[in-house]
């Protein structure tokens, strides 16, 4: 077995710290049991070197077990009683209201992949939830956005493909029904050259608007969302782990003022799991 397999544990300060503390605890516990055994059954000899080796193996195994990267973490807030989870998996497998990222024009065209990438969360939303029926999706979005004043409208000469009406960053179109809502969050600006751009300010403002909408529409039921702002949205100032912490911090800050929902789950795509240190995220949740 190559040493690179242990890199998730020994390659970070947090992993090494968790490993050492738990290995020492396990070693001390096993030592105590051995002392109890020798006190009760002193007539039965124990070979010291094999015993020491067994104790060390058990301690190392327990330390590795506790420090190994997790596929999910959970934190319980007590004031108010709210659960926060971070899970590795598919957003659309969650039995919860879902948050789906959109651009400020609420573009939906999947036909060429030039406007909306079919592999993105929005692309999967259109395929899995709307079965590729963008006409129905556009109609539902139009109804949901009714009453929200656009920022401006682009011309077809400036933006040859896609929609032309631009809404404020942080606009949310709520689709679905009471059983399952879809919070379509405009956190990125679609440039006329079809490049979606976002930044830390856009993302923070959008998250604040999202929690207000969730508070009003989710009826305190569970909500699941992806790590928005990565990949095509190009929030280049932050890595995935930092964006994840930003989402969690924003949610917890809002929850201190009023309950947004009883449980928030942030989904990590399996391809991104190596870029997120779950031990660090858990420690972050324990501090805030």
C-alpha atoms as a PDB file:
ATOM      1  CA  UNK A   1       0.000   0.000   0.000  1.00  0.00           C
ATOM      2  CA  UNK A   2       1.474   3.334  -1.078  1.00  0.00           C
ATOM      3  CA  UNK A   3       1.874   6.104   1.452  1.00  0.00           C
ATOM      4  CA  UNK A   4      -0.197   8.387  -0.784  1.00  0.00           C
ATOM      5  CA  UNK A   5      -3.292   6.529   0.415  1.00  0.00           C
ATOM      6  CA  UNK A   6      -2.743   8.062   3.869  1.00  0.00           C
ATOM      7  CA  UNK A   7      -2.358  11.587   2.485  1.00  0.00           C
ATOM      8  CA  UNK A   8      -5.969  12.557   3.389  1.00  0.00           C
ATOM      9  CA  UNK A   9      -5.003  12.009   7.044  1.00  0.00           C
ATOM     10  CA  UNK A  10      -1.370  13.099   7.306  1.00  0.00           C
ATOM     11  CA  UNK A  11      -1.469  15.656   4.495  1.00  0.00           C
ATOM     12  CA  UNK A  12      -3.356  18.242   6.542  1.00  0.00           C
ATOM     13  CA  UNK A  13      -2.754  19.703   9.986  1.00  0.00           C
ATOM     14  CA  UNK A  14      -6.344  19.005  11.025  1.00  0.00           C
ATOM     15  CA  UNK A  15      -6.160  15.367   9.900  1.00  0.00           C
ATOM     16  CA  UNK A  16      -2.868  14.824  11.712  1.00  0.00           C
ATOM     17  CA  UNK A  17      -4.228  16.470  14.864  1.00  0.00           C
ATOM     18  CA  UNK A  18      -7.392  14.337  14.880  1.00  0.00           C
ATOM     19  CA  UNK A  19      -5.349  11.199  14.218  1.00  0.00           C
ATOM     20  CA  UNK A  20      -2.859  11.858  17.024  1.00  0.00           C
ATOM     21  CA  UNK A  21      -5.437  12.780  19.643  1.00  0.00           C
ATOM     22  CA  UNK A  22      -7.658   9.781  18.911  1.00  0.00           C
ATOM     23  CA  UNK A  23      -4.732   7.361  18.634  1.00  0.00           C
ATOM     24  CA  UNK A  24      -3.435   8.488  22.031  1.00  0.00           C
ATOM     25  CA  UNK A  25      -6.898   8.155  23.562  1.00  0.00           C
ATOM     26  CA  UNK A  26      -7.255   4.655  22.131  1.00  0.00           C
ATOM     27  CA  UNK A  27      -3.784   3.669  23.337  1.00  0.00           C
ATOM     28  CA  UNK A  28      -4.574   4.933  26.823  1.00  0.00           C
ATOM     29  CA  UNK A  29      -7.892   3.070  26.894  1.00  0.00           C
ATOM     30  CA  UNK A  30      -6.327  -0.205  25.790  1.00  0.00           C
ATOM     31  CA  UNK A  31      -3.522   0.287  28.315  1.00  0.00           C
ATOM     32  CA  UNK A  32      -6.085   0.717  31.056  1.00  0.00           C
ATOM     33  CA  UNK A  33      -7.870  -2.474  30.034  1.00  0.00           C
ATOM     34  CA  UNK A  34      -4.576  -4.369  30.040  1.00  0.00           C
ATOM     35  CA  UNK A  35      -3.774  -3.084  33.543  1.00  0.00           C
ATOM     36  CA  UNK A  36      -7.220  -4.145  34.726  1.00  0.00           C
ATOM     37  CA  UNK A  37      -6.687  -7.588  33.207  1.00  0.00           C
ATOM     38  CA  UNK A  38      -3.309  -8.060  34.870  1.00  0.00           C
ATOM     39  CA  UNK A  39      -4.719  -6.908  38.215  1.00  0.00           C
ATOM     40  CA  UNK A  40      -7.564  -9.416  38.104  1.00  0.00           C
ATOM     41  CA  UNK A  41      -5.759 -12.296  36.483  1.00  0.00           C
ATOM     42  CA  UNK A  42      -2.175 -11.750  37.534  1.00  0.00           C
ATOM     43  CA  UNK A  43      -1.418 -15.460  37.277  1.00  0.00           C
ATOM     44  CA  UNK A  44      -1.811 -15.457  33.475  1.00  0.00           C
ATOM     45  CA  UNK A  45       1.399 -14.083  31.895  1.00  0.00           C
ATOM     46  CA  UNK A  46       1.292 -11.710  28.925  1.00  0.00           C
ATOM     47  CA  UNK A  47       4.111 -11.389  26.408  1.00  0.00           C
ATOM     48  CA  UNK A  48       5.033  -7.682  26.589  1.00  0.00           C
ATOM     49  CA  UNK A  49       6.303  -7.096  23.022  1.00  0.00           C
ATOM     50  CA  UNK A  50       3.399  -8.761  21.143  1.00  0.00           C
ATOM     51  CA  UNK A  51       0.980  -7.032  23.496  1.00  0.00           C
ATOM     52  CA  UNK A  52       2.590  -3.648  22.859  1.00  0.00           C
ATOM     53  CA  UNK A  53       2.426  -4.255  19.109  1.00  0.00           C
ATOM     54  CA  UNK A  54      -1.285  -5.123  19.308  1.00  0.00           C
ATOM     55  CA  UNK A  55      -1.976  -2.015  21.392  1.00  0.00           C
ATOM     56  CA  UNK A  56      -0.137   0.177  18.889  1.00  0.00           C
ATOM     57  CA  UNK A  57      -1.999  -1.339  15.915  1.00  0.00           C
ATOM     58  CA  UNK A  58      -5.354  -0.823  17.615  1.00  0.00           C
ATOM     59  CA  UNK A  59      -4.477   2.780  18.482  1.00  0.00           C
ATOM     60  CA  UNK A  60      -3.314   3.570  14.933  1.00  0.00           C
ATOM     61  CA  UNK A  61      -6.374   1.901  13.419  1.00  0.00           C
ATOM     62  CA  UNK A  62      -8.724   3.921  15.633  1.00  0.00           C
ATOM     63  CA  UNK A  63      -6.862   7.145  14.907  1.00  0.00           C
ATOM     64  CA  UNK A  64      -7.087   6.519  11.158  1.00  0.00           C
ATOM     65  CA  UNK A  65     -10.753   5.654  11.468  1.00  0.00           C
ATOM     66  CA  UNK A  66     -11.548   8.913  13.234  1.00  0.00           C
ATOM     67  CA  UNK A  67      -9.389  11.071  10.959  1.00  0.00           C
ATOM     68  CA  UNK A  68     -10.360   9.524   7.634  1.00  0.00           C
ATOM     69  CA  UNK A  69     -12.248  11.983   5.369  1.00  0.00           C
ATOM     70  CA  UNK A  70     -15.991  11.631   5.742  1.00  0.00           C
ATOM     71  CA  UNK A  71     -18.706  11.563   3.111  1.00  0.00           C
ATOM     72  CA  UNK A  72     -21.025  13.495   5.360  1.00  0.00           C
ATOM     73  CA  UNK A  73     -21.101  15.637   8.484  1.00  0.00           C
ATOM     74  CA  UNK A  74     -23.918  16.941  10.630  1.00  0.00           C
ATOM     75  CA  UNK A  75     -24.135  19.748  13.144  1.00  0.00           C
ATOM     76  CA  UNK A  76     -27.013  20.499  15.490  1.00  0.00           C
ATOM     77  CA  UNK A  77     -27.702  24.092  16.476  1.00  0.00           C
ATOM     78  CA  UNK A  78     -29.447  24.476  19.798  1.00  0.00           C
ATOM     79  CA  UNK A  79     -30.659  28.081  19.638  1.00  0.00           C
ATOM     80  CA  UNK A  80     -32.812  27.595  17.624  1.00  0.00           C
ATOM     81  CA  UNK A  81     -32.959  23.834  17.013  1.00  0.00           C
ATOM     82  CA  UNK A  82     -31.734  23.513  13.436  1.00  0.00           C
ATOM     83  CA  UNK A  83     -29.685  20.838  11.668  1.00  0.00           C
ATOM     84  CA  UNK A  84     -26.940  21.566   9.153  1.00  0.00           C
ATOM     85  CA  UNK A  85     -25.592  18.758   6.977  1.00  0.00           C
ATOM     86  CA  UNK A  86     -22.896  18.482   4.340  1.00  0.00           C
ATOM     87  CA  UNK A  87     -23.224  15.361   2.195  1.00  0.00           C
ATOM     88  CA  UNK A  88     -21.455  13.909  -0.820  1.00  0.00           C
ATOM     89  CA  UNK A  89     -23.966  12.800  -3.427  1.00  0.00           C
ATOM     90  CA  UNK A  90     -26.641  13.819  -5.921  1.00  0.00           C
ATOM     91  CA  UNK A  91     -28.719  16.889  -5.103  1.00  0.00           C
ATOM     92  CA  UNK A  92     -31.765  15.449  -6.849  1.00  0.00           C
ATOM     93  CA  UNK A  93     -31.805  12.365  -4.643  1.00  0.00           C
ATOM     94  CA  UNK A  94     -32.692  14.506  -1.622  1.00  0.00           C
ATOM     95  CA  UNK A  95     -36.240  14.495  -0.275  1.00  0.00           C
ATOM     96  CA  UNK A  96     -36.337  18.232   0.317  1.00  0.00           C
ATOM     97  CA  UNK A  97     -37.021  21.588  -1.271  1.00  0.00           C
ATOM     98  CA  UNK A  98     -34.160  22.302  -3.689  1.00  0.00           C
ATOM     99  CA  UNK A  99     -32.088  25.356  -4.531  1.00  0.00           C
ATOM    100  CA  UNK A 100     -30.971  25.631  -8.163  1.00  0.00           C
ATOM    101  CA  UNK A 101     -28.587  28.282  -9.420  1.00  0.00           C
ATOM    102  CA  UNK A 102     -29.552  30.449 -12.411  1.00  0.00           C
ATOM    103  CA  UNK A 103     -28.114  33.517 -14.074  1.00  0.00           C
ATOM    104  CA  UNK A 104     -29.727  36.951 -13.878  1.00  0.00           C
ATOM    105  CA  UNK A 105     -31.526  36.434 -17.198  1.00  0.00           C
ATOM    106  CA  UNK A 106     -32.944  33.043 -16.209  1.00  0.00           C
ATOM    107  CA  UNK A 107     -31.670  31.545 -19.460  1.00  0.00           C
ATOM    108  CA  UNK A 108     -32.855  27.989 -20.092  1.00  0.00           C
ATOM    109  CA  UNK A 109     -31.593  27.047 -23.568  1.00  0.00           C
ATOM    110  CA  UNK A 110     -29.892  23.632 -23.431  1.00  0.00           C
ATOM    111  CA  UNK A 111     -29.981  22.915 -27.153  1.00  0.00           C
ATOM    112  CA  UNK A 112     -26.335  23.554 -27.996  1.00  0.00           C
ATOM    113  CA  UNK A 113     -24.812  23.742 -24.526  1.00  0.00           C
ATOM    114  CA  UNK A 114     -23.644  27.230 -25.418  1.00  0.00           C
ATOM    115  CA  UNK A 115     -26.070  29.021 -23.104  1.00  0.00           C
ATOM    116  CA  UNK A 116     -26.707  26.432 -20.358  1.00  0.00           C
ATOM    117  CA  UNK A 117     -24.450  23.425 -19.898  1.00  0.00           C
ATOM    118  CA  UNK A 118     -26.601  20.242 -19.741  1.00  0.00           C
ATOM    119  CA  UNK A 119     -24.217  18.776 -17.134  1.00  0.00           C
ATOM    120  CA  UNK A 120     -24.630  21.725 -14.744  1.00  0.00           C
ATOM    121  CA  UNK A 121     -27.054  21.618 -11.817  1.00  0.00           C
ATOM    122  CA  UNK A 122     -29.469  23.803 -13.773  1.00  0.00           C
ATOM    123  CA  UNK A 123     -29.097  21.544 -16.802  1.00  0.00           C
ATOM    124  CA  UNK A 124     -29.885  18.500 -14.661  1.00  0.00           C
ATOM    125  CA  UNK A 125     -32.833  20.349 -13.132  1.00  0.00           C
ATOM    126  CA  UNK A 126     -34.273  21.016 -16.577  1.00  0.00           C
ATOM    127  CA  UNK A 127     -33.716  17.420 -17.666  1.00  0.00           C
ATOM    128  CA  UNK A 128     -34.813  15.605 -14.508  1.00  0.00           C
ATOM    129  CA  UNK A 129     -37.593  17.838 -13.226  1.00  0.00           C
ATOM    130  CA  UNK A 130     -38.930  19.393 -16.439  1.00  0.00           C
ATOM    131  CA  UNK A 131     -37.986  16.492 -18.727  1.00  0.00           C
ATOM    132  CA  UNK A 132     -36.335  18.915 -21.111  1.00  0.00           C
ATOM    133  CA  UNK A 133     -39.548  20.912 -21.595  1.00  0.00           C
ATOM    134  CA  UNK A 134     -38.033  24.402 -21.614  1.00  0.00           C
ATOM    135  CA  UNK A 135     -41.286  25.886 -22.899  1.00  0.00           C
ATOM    136  CA  UNK A 136     -43.054  24.892 -19.690  1.00  0.00           C
ATOM    137  CA  UNK A 137     -40.090  25.983 -17.593  1.00  0.00           C
ATOM    138  CA  UNK A 138     -40.019  29.391 -19.276  1.00  0.00           C
ATOM    139  CA  UNK A 139     -43.738  29.775 -18.666  1.00  0.00           C
ATOM    140  CA  UNK A 140     -43.360  28.881 -14.982  1.00  0.00           C
ATOM    141  CA  UNK A 141     -40.402  31.234 -14.600  1.00  0.00           C
ATOM    142  CA  UNK A 142     -42.352  34.073 -16.197  1.00  0.00           C
ATOM    143  CA  UNK A 143     -45.209  33.579 -13.723  1.00  0.00           C
ATOM    144  CA  UNK A 144     -42.807  33.361 -10.776  1.00  0.00           C
ATOM    145  CA  UNK A 145     -41.009  36.549 -11.844  1.00  0.00           C
ATOM    146  CA  UNK A 146     -44.199  38.514 -12.423  1.00  0.00           C
ATOM    147  CA  UNK A 147     -44.084  41.672 -10.341  1.00  0.00           C
ATOM    148  CA  UNK A 148     -40.280  41.793 -10.106  1.00  0.00           C
ATOM    149  CA  UNK A 149     -38.877  44.809 -11.914  1.00  0.00           C
ATOM    150  CA  UNK A 150     -36.086  43.972 -14.389  1.00  0.00           C
ATOM    151  CA  UNK A 151     -32.816  45.871 -14.313  1.00  0.00           C
ATOM    152  CA  UNK A 152     -32.785  46.376 -18.063  1.00  0.00           C
ATOM    153  CA  UNK A 153     -33.227  44.581 -21.367  1.00  0.00           C
ATOM    154  CA  UNK A 154     -30.421  43.745 -23.775  1.00  0.00           C
ATOM    155  CA  UNK A 155     -30.778  43.948 -27.536  1.00  0.00           C
ATOM    156  CA  UNK A 156     -30.636  40.954 -29.824  1.00  0.00           C
ATOM    157  CA  UNK A 157     -27.689  42.589 -31.568  1.00  0.00           C
ATOM    158  CA  UNK A 158     -25.733  42.618 -28.285  1.00  0.00           C
ATOM    159  CA  UNK A 159     -26.853  39.154 -27.140  1.00  0.00           C
ATOM    160  CA  UNK A 160     -27.544  36.942 -30.144  1.00  0.00           C
ATOM    161  CA  UNK A 161     -28.629  33.882 -28.151  1.00  0.00           C
ATOM    162  CA  UNK A 162     -30.802  33.418 -25.062  1.00  0.00           C
ATOM    163  CA  UNK A 163     -33.079  35.746 -23.156  1.00  0.00           C
ATOM    164  CA  UNK A 164     -32.788  39.512 -23.092  1.00  0.00           C
ATOM    165  CA  UNK A 165     -34.439  40.653 -19.846  1.00  0.00           C
ATOM    166  CA  UNK A 166     -32.010  41.079 -16.967  1.00  0.00           C
ATOM    167  CA  UNK A 167     -33.126  40.830 -13.320  1.00  0.00           C
ATOM    168  CA  UNK A 168     -31.331  41.977 -10.156  1.00  0.00           C
ATOM    169  CA  UNK A 169     -28.707  39.670  -8.691  1.00  0.00           C
ATOM    170  CA  UNK A 170     -30.363  37.756  -5.868  1.00  0.00           C
ATOM    171  CA  UNK A 171     -33.714  37.462  -7.635  1.00  0.00           C
ATOM    172  CA  UNK A 172     -35.450  34.187  -6.810  1.00  0.00           C
ATOM    173  CA  UNK A 173     -38.114  32.465  -8.888  1.00  0.00           C
ATOM    174  CA  UNK A 174     -39.936  29.960  -6.690  1.00  0.00           C
ATOM    175  CA  UNK A 175     -41.314  27.035  -8.686  1.00  0.00           C
ATOM    176  CA  UNK A 176     -43.124  23.849  -7.685  1.00  0.00           C
ATOM    177  CA  UNK A 177     -45.722  23.469  -4.949  1.00  0.00           C
ATOM    178  CA  UNK A 178     -45.904  23.164  -1.178  1.00  0.00           C
ATOM    179  CA  UNK A 179     -44.694  19.575  -1.291  1.00  0.00           C
ATOM    180  CA  UNK A 180     -41.544  20.449  -3.183  1.00  0.00           C
ATOM    181  CA  UNK A 181     -40.322  23.922  -3.957  1.00  0.00           C
ATOM    182  CA  UNK A 182     -37.521  24.825  -6.340  1.00  0.00           C
ATOM    183  CA  UNK A 183     -35.765  28.045  -5.409  1.00  0.00           C
ATOM    184  CA  UNK A 184     -34.217  29.282  -8.662  1.00  0.00           C
ATOM    185  CA  UNK A 185     -31.526  31.660  -7.465  1.00  0.00           C
ATOM    186  CA  UNK A 186     -29.965  34.252  -9.781  1.00  0.00           C
ATOM    187  CA  UNK A 187     -26.481  34.595  -8.304  1.00  0.00           C
ATOM    188  CA  UNK A 188     -24.483  35.117 -11.529  1.00  0.00           C
ATOM    189  CA  UNK A 189     -24.579  37.679 -14.287  1.00  0.00           C
ATOM    190  CA  UNK A 190     -24.845  36.330 -17.820  1.00  0.00           C
ATOM    191  CA  UNK A 191     -22.590  38.423 -20.017  1.00  0.00           C
ATOM    192  CA  UNK A 192     -23.638  39.103 -23.593  1.00  0.00           C
ATOM    193  CA  UNK A 193     -20.842  36.802 -24.758  1.00  0.00           C
ATOM    194  CA  UNK A 194     -22.649  33.982 -22.853  1.00  0.00           C
ATOM    195  CA  UNK A 195     -20.076  33.798 -20.060  1.00  0.00           C
ATOM    196  CA  UNK A 196     -21.683  33.678 -16.610  1.00  0.00           C
ATOM    197  CA  UNK A 197     -19.822  35.683 -13.983  1.00  0.00           C
ATOM    198  CA  UNK A 198     -20.277  35.898 -10.232  1.00  0.00           C
ATOM    199  CA  UNK A 199     -18.200  37.120  -7.308  1.00  0.00           C
ATOM    200  CA  UNK A 200     -18.163  37.078  -3.520  1.00  0.00           C
ATOM    201  CA  UNK A 201     -20.451  40.110  -3.231  1.00  0.00           C
ATOM    202  CA  UNK A 202     -23.006  38.642  -5.680  1.00  0.00           C
ATOM    203  CA  UNK A 203     -22.952  35.343  -3.839  1.00  0.00           C
ATOM    204  CA  UNK A 204     -23.310  36.834  -0.351  1.00  0.00           C
ATOM    205  CA  UNK A 205     -26.206  39.083  -1.418  1.00  0.00           C
ATOM    206  CA  UNK A 206     -27.902  36.184  -3.207  1.00  0.00           C
ATOM    207  CA  UNK A 207     -27.630  33.920  -0.175  1.00  0.00           C
ATOM    208  CA  UNK A 208     -29.231  36.571   2.021  1.00  0.00           C
ATOM    209  CA  UNK A 209     -32.146  36.860  -0.399  1.00  0.00           C
ATOM    210  CA  UNK A 210     -32.392  33.069  -0.610  1.00  0.00           C
ATOM    211  CA  UNK A 211     -32.846  32.596   3.129  1.00  0.00           C
ATOM    212  CA  UNK A 212     -35.593  35.209   3.159  1.00  0.00           C
ATOM    213  CA  UNK A 213     -37.401  33.383   0.379  1.00  0.00           C
ATOM    214  CA  UNK A 214     -36.912  29.996   2.050  1.00  0.00           C
ATOM    215  CA  UNK A 215     -38.246  31.416   5.316  1.00  0.00           C
ATOM    216  CA  UNK A 216     -41.368  32.633   3.502  1.00  0.00           C
ATOM    217  CA  UNK A 217     -42.013  29.646   1.221  1.00  0.00           C
ATOM    218  CA  UNK A 218     -40.458  26.448   2.632  1.00  0.00           C
ATOM    219  CA  UNK A 219     -42.677  26.233   5.740  1.00  0.00           C
ATOM    220  CA  UNK A 220     -39.637  25.233   7.813  1.00  0.00           C
ATOM    221  CA  UNK A 221     -39.203  21.991   5.829  1.00  0.00           C
ATOM    222  CA  UNK A 222     -35.793  20.634   4.812  1.00  0.00           C
ATOM    223  CA  UNK A 223     -33.887  22.410   2.060  1.00  0.00           C
ATOM    224  CA  UNK A 224     -30.995  21.044  -0.011  1.00  0.00           C
ATOM    225  CA  UNK A 225     -28.646  22.979  -2.248  1.00  0.00           C
ATOM    226  CA  UNK A 226     -25.385  22.536  -4.164  1.00  0.00           C
ATOM    227  CA  UNK A 227     -22.205  24.519  -3.620  1.00  0.00           C
ATOM    228  CA  UNK A 228     -23.199  27.404  -5.863  1.00  0.00           C
ATOM    229  CA  UNK A 229     -20.586  29.658  -7.392  1.00  0.00           C
ATOM    230  CA  UNK A 230     -18.160  27.039  -8.682  1.00  0.00           C
ATOM    231  CA  UNK A 231     -17.408  25.851 -12.199  1.00  0.00           C
ATOM    232  CA  UNK A 232     -19.192  27.966 -14.817  1.00  0.00           C
ATOM    233  CA  UNK A 233     -20.153  30.803 -12.436  1.00  0.00           C
ATOM    234  CA  UNK A 234     -16.440  31.486 -11.936  1.00  0.00           C
ATOM    235  CA  UNK A 235     -16.204  32.787  -8.378  1.00  0.00           C
ATOM    236  CA  UNK A 236     -12.446  32.581  -8.727  1.00  0.00           C
ATOM    237  CA  UNK A 237     -11.673  34.430  -5.483  1.00  0.00           C
ATOM    238  CA  UNK A 238     -12.652  31.396  -3.373  1.00  0.00           C
ATOM    239  CA  UNK A 239     -12.101  27.661  -3.602  1.00  0.00           C
ATOM    240  CA  UNK A 240     -14.929  25.169  -3.086  1.00  0.00           C
ATOM    241  CA  UNK A 241     -14.292  24.690   0.596  1.00  0.00           C
ATOM    242  CA  UNK A 242     -14.330  28.447   1.216  1.00  0.00           C
ATOM    243  CA  UNK A 243     -17.592  28.835  -0.727  1.00  0.00           C
ATOM    244  CA  UNK A 244     -19.092  25.975   1.279  1.00  0.00           C
ATOM    245  CA  UNK A 245     -18.114  27.698   4.529  1.00  0.00           C
ATOM    246  CA  UNK A 246     -19.552  30.941   3.190  1.00  0.00           C
ATOM    247  CA  UNK A 247     -22.911  29.252   2.529  1.00  0.00           C
ATOM    248  CA  UNK A 248     -22.934  27.710   5.991  1.00  0.00           C
ATOM    249  CA  UNK A 249     -21.959  30.975   7.688  1.00  0.00           C
ATOM    250  CA  UNK A 250     -24.659  32.908   5.823  1.00  0.00           C
ATOM    251  CA  UNK A 251     -27.316  30.349   6.770  1.00  0.00           C
ATOM    252  CA  UNK A 252     -26.300  30.209  10.430  1.00  0.00           C
ATOM    253  CA  UNK A 253     -26.148  34.016  10.657  1.00  0.00           C
ATOM    254  CA  UNK A 254     -29.707  34.253   9.316  1.00  0.00           C
ATOM    255  CA  UNK A 255     -30.843  31.448  11.613  1.00  0.00           C
ATOM    256  CA  UNK A 256     -29.643  33.400  14.655  1.00  0.00           C
ATOM    257  CA  UNK A 257     -32.210  36.061  13.758  1.00  0.00           C
ATOM    258  CA  UNK A 258     -35.080  33.752  12.757  1.00  0.00           C
ATOM    259  CA  UNK A 259     -35.576  30.137  11.714  1.00  0.00           C
ATOM    260  CA  UNK A 260     -35.035  29.745   7.978  1.00  0.00           C
ATOM    261  CA  UNK A 261     -35.781  26.013   7.859  1.00  0.00           C
ATOM    262  CA  UNK A 262     -35.371  23.092  10.232  1.00  0.00           C
ATOM    263  CA  UNK A 263     -32.621  21.443   8.180  1.00  0.00           C
ATOM    264  CA  UNK A 264     -30.215  22.632   5.509  1.00  0.00           C
ATOM    265  CA  UNK A 265     -28.236  20.124   3.470  1.00  0.00           C
ATOM    266  CA  UNK A 266     -25.394  21.308   1.246  1.00  0.00           C
ATOM    267  CA  UNK A 267     -24.533  18.690  -1.350  1.00  0.00           C
ATOM    268  CA  UNK A 268     -20.973  18.115  -2.529  1.00  0.00           C
ATOM    269  CA  UNK A 269     -20.585  16.592  -5.967  1.00  0.00           C
ATOM    270  CA  UNK A 270     -18.510  13.376  -5.809  1.00  0.00           C
ATOM    271  CA  UNK A 271     -15.984  14.871  -8.218  1.00  0.00           C
ATOM    272  CA  UNK A 272     -15.358  17.753  -5.790  1.00  0.00           C
ATOM    273  CA  UNK A 273     -14.888  15.729  -2.611  1.00  0.00           C
ATOM    274  CA  UNK A 274     -11.078  15.789  -2.819  1.00  0.00           C
ATOM    275  CA  UNK A 275     -11.146  19.584  -2.783  1.00  0.00           C
ATOM    276  CA  UNK A 276     -13.023  19.780   0.515  1.00  0.00           C
ATOM    277  CA  UNK A 277     -11.593  18.801   3.884  1.00  0.00           C
ATOM    278  CA  UNK A 278     -14.613  17.571   5.838  1.00  0.00           C
ATOM    279  CA  UNK A 279     -12.666  17.683   9.097  1.00  0.00           C
ATOM    280  CA  UNK A 280     -12.028  21.389   8.585  1.00  0.00           C
ATOM    281  CA  UNK A 281     -15.667  21.994   7.694  1.00  0.00           C
ATOM    282  CA  UNK A 282     -16.824  20.134  10.814  1.00  0.00           C
ATOM    283  CA  UNK A 283     -14.417  22.169  12.955  1.00  0.00           C
ATOM    284  CA  UNK A 284     -15.755  25.344  11.298  1.00  0.00           C
ATOM    285  CA  UNK A 285     -19.344  24.368  12.133  1.00  0.00           C
ATOM    286  CA  UNK A 286     -18.381  23.631  15.710  1.00  0.00           C
ATOM    287  CA  UNK A 287     -16.939  27.131  16.073  1.00  0.00           C
ATOM    288  CA  UNK A 288     -19.745  29.243  14.581  1.00  0.00           C
END
